[in-house]
Amino acid sequence: MRNTIWIAICSFLFLVACKKEGVNPTNCRSGKCTYEMFENSQLAVTLGTFPGEGFVDIESGDHRVFQYSYEANDNPRISDDEYWEDIYFEIPSDVEEFEYRDAEMLDQNLVFQPSCFCLIETVLITKGSIKGKRLSDNRWEIEMDIAFEWGESEEDRKFKADFELVQ
């Protein structure tokens, strides 16, 4: 009987600890993630020649824009350790379901933009995949598995999350 109870407790703890990143914004690496969607919008992407020159703006337009944001936990004992990043992309507003791979993602302006006390480089992403489907008028399920060069290293991001409409 004791073994059965112990196995049940361990199984429960294992399941709780293995939540998928993205479904719960508080379960996001070591920080906070948000997943937002903007209707009647479009991305204005400017890539710079040097790090720090690129930027991304969400403007009024005829697309649907998605924004994943990650903010790392701050250590109050370390000056200038703040770090956050955004990944943006857009799709035509009449699309109900999609899947894009590799070079196809260029048409969706899939962009990684970090912000920190470091060399900031806005990066167009062309490796991996993104797919999504409309769950309701104000909610989309998005699955992303991407890789990109940032500085001298290859980074990757992978998540499945529900993006909510920002009014």
Foldseek 3Di string as FASTA:
>chain_A
DVVVVVVVVVVVVVVVVPDFPAADQPPHDAFGKAKAKEAQWDKDWDFDPFFPPIDIDIGGHQKMKIKIKTWHDDDPVDPFPTKMKIWMWIDGHVDFKDKDAFPRRVVGQTWIWMDTPDRTGIDGFRHWMKIWGDPDPFKIWIWTWTWDDDDHDIDIDTGIHIHGYDD
